[in-house]
Amino acid sequence: IARLIDIGPDRVSVFNYAHLPERFAAQRKIKDADLPSAQAKLTMFKETLSAMLAAGYQFIGMDHFAKPDDE
């Protein structure tokens, strides 16, 4: 997230990985046990939200952030 903030895009979408091994063959190699828990994903989102807001981005809904002057 720090690198993303350094790059400084006007708008960004940050979302969870969707594990759909029944749909994507390559994902079948990933074990469910190796994926982050719901609590870990919530923690990651909270940290992302905090960092983006501190950097001046606005949370514009769902998983999207934008700079205040973005149209």
C-alpha atoms as a PDB file:
ATOM      1  CA  ILE A   1       0.000   0.000   0.000  1.00  0.00           C
ATOM      2  CA  ALA A   2       2.879   2.354   0.767  1.00  0.00           C
ATOM      3  CA  ARG A   3       4.229   1.812  -2.755  1.00  0.00           C
ATOM      4  CA  LEU A   4       0.782   2.409  -4.227  1.00  0.00           C
ATOM      5  CA  ILE A   5       0.504   5.672  -2.305  1.00  0.00           C
ATOM      6  CA  ASP A   6       3.992   6.659  -3.523  1.00  0.00           C
ATOM      7  CA  ILE A   7       2.888   6.113  -7.132  1.00  0.00           C
ATOM      8  CA  GLY A   8      -0.103   8.376  -6.446  1.00  0.00           C
ATOM      9  CA  PRO A   9      -2.874   7.297  -8.812  1.00  0.00           C
ATOM     10  CA  ASP A  10      -6.000   9.477  -8.897  1.00  0.00           C
ATOM     11  CA  ARG A  11      -8.252   6.491  -8.244  1.00  0.00           C
ATOM     12  CA  VAL A  12      -7.639   2.939  -7.118  1.00  0.00           C
ATOM     13  CA  SER A  13      -9.586  -0.243  -6.442  1.00  0.00           C
ATOM     14  CA  VAL A  14      -8.318  -2.578  -3.737  1.00  0.00           C
ATOM     15  CA  PHE A  15     -10.207  -5.840  -3.445  1.00  0.00           C
ATOM     16  CA  ASN A  16     -10.029  -9.326  -1.990  1.00  0.00           C
ATOM     17  CA  TYR A  17      -8.702 -12.244  -3.960  1.00  0.00           C
ATOM     18  CA  ALA A  18     -11.599 -14.394  -5.159  1.00  0.00           C
ATOM     19  CA  HIS A  19     -10.676 -18.034  -4.706  1.00  0.00           C
ATOM     20  CA  LEU A  20     -12.736 -19.937  -7.285  1.00  0.00           C
ATOM     21  CA  PRO A  21     -10.849 -23.177  -7.958  1.00  0.00           C
ATOM     22  CA  GLU A  22     -13.914 -24.763  -9.554  1.00  0.00           C
ATOM     23  CA  ARG A  23     -13.801 -22.014 -12.177  1.00  0.00           C
ATOM     24  CA  PHE A  24     -10.062 -21.401 -12.609  1.00  0.00           C
ATOM     25  CA  ALA A  25      -7.855 -24.463 -12.943  1.00  0.00           C
ATOM     26  CA  ALA A  26      -4.688 -22.673 -11.840  1.00  0.00           C
ATOM     27  CA  GLN A  27      -6.308 -21.890  -8.480  1.00  0.00           C
ATOM     28  CA  ARG A  28      -6.721 -25.606  -7.743  1.00  0.00           C
ATOM     29  CA  LYS A  29      -3.053 -25.634  -6.763  1.00  0.00           C
ATOM     30  CA  ILE A  30      -3.774 -23.242  -3.877  1.00  0.00           C
ATOM     31  CA  LYS A  31      -4.857 -24.926  -0.660  1.00  0.00           C
ATOM     32  CA  ASP A  32      -7.675 -23.325   1.306  1.00  0.00           C
ATOM     33  CA  ALA A  33      -5.501 -23.589   4.424  1.00  0.00           C
ATOM     34  CA  ASP A  34      -2.925 -21.302   2.768  1.00  0.00           C
ATOM     35  CA  LEU A  35      -5.430 -18.479   2.275  1.00  0.00           C
ATOM     36  CA  PRO A  36      -5.855 -15.725   4.875  1.00  0.00           C
ATOM     37  CA  SER A  37      -8.720 -16.075   7.337  1.00  0.00           C
ATOM     38  CA  ALA A  38     -11.709 -13.756   7.293  1.00  0.00           C
ATOM     39  CA  GLN A  39     -10.225 -11.953  10.310  1.00  0.00           C
ATOM     40  CA  ALA A  40      -6.869 -11.503   8.543  1.00  0.00           C
ATOM     41  CA  LYS A  41      -8.612 -10.112   5.450  1.00  0.00           C
ATOM     42  CA  LEU A  42     -10.593  -7.685   7.604  1.00  0.00           C
ATOM     43  CA  THR A  43      -7.385  -6.557   9.301  1.00  0.00           C
ATOM     44  CA  MET A  44      -5.728  -6.002   5.913  1.00  0.00           C
ATOM     45  CA  PHE A  45      -8.701  -3.940   4.747  1.00  0.00           C
ATOM     46  CA  LYS A  46      -8.711  -1.818   7.915  1.00  0.00           C
ATOM     47  CA  GLU A  47      -4.975  -1.139   7.536  1.00  0.00           C
ATOM     48  CA  THR A  48      -5.466  -0.267   3.866  1.00  0.00           C
ATOM     49  CA  LEU A  49      -8.368   2.050   4.692  1.00  0.00           C
ATOM     50  CA  SER A  50      -6.334   3.800   7.379  1.00  0.00           C
ATOM     51  CA  ALA A  51      -3.296   4.252   5.116  1.00  0.00           C
ATOM     52  CA  MET A  52      -5.326   5.514   2.165  1.00  0.00           C
ATOM     53  CA  LEU A  53      -7.267   8.008   4.288  1.00  0.00           C
ATOM     54  CA  ALA A  54      -4.060   9.226   5.938  1.00  0.00           C
ATOM     55  CA  ALA A  55      -2.606   9.791   2.456  1.00  0.00           C
ATOM     56  CA  GLY A  56      -5.526  12.049   1.545  1.00  0.00           C
ATOM     57  CA  TYR A  57      -7.637   9.599  -0.448  1.00  0.00           C
ATOM     58  CA  GLN A  58     -11.398   9.447  -0.012  1.00  0.00           C
ATOM     59  CA  PHE A  59     -13.188   6.136   0.407  1.00  0.00           C
ATOM     60  CA  ILE A  60     -15.788   6.318  -2.368  1.00  0.00           C
ATOM     61  CA  GLY A  61     -17.430   2.955  -1.761  1.00  0.00           C
ATOM     62  CA  MET A  62     -16.948  -0.784  -1.749  1.00  0.00           C
ATOM     63  CA  ASP A  63     -13.250  -1.141  -2.534  1.00  0.00           C
ATOM     64  CA  HIS A  64     -12.570   2.173  -4.285  1.00  0.00           C
ATOM     65  CA  PHE A  65     -10.507   5.163  -3.208  1.00  0.00           C
ATOM     66  CA  ALA A  66      -9.991   8.469  -5.022  1.00  0.00           C
ATOM     67  CA  LYS A  67      -8.127  11.701  -4.542  1.00  0.00           C
ATOM     68  CA  PRO A  68     -10.451  14.579  -3.595  1.00  0.00           C
ATOM     69  CA  ASP A  69      -9.935  16.301  -6.965  1.00  0.00           C
ATOM     70  CA  ASP A  70     -10.624  13.173  -9.057  1.00  0.00           C
ATOM     71  CA  GLU A  71     -13.651  13.526 -11.295  1.00  0.00           C
END
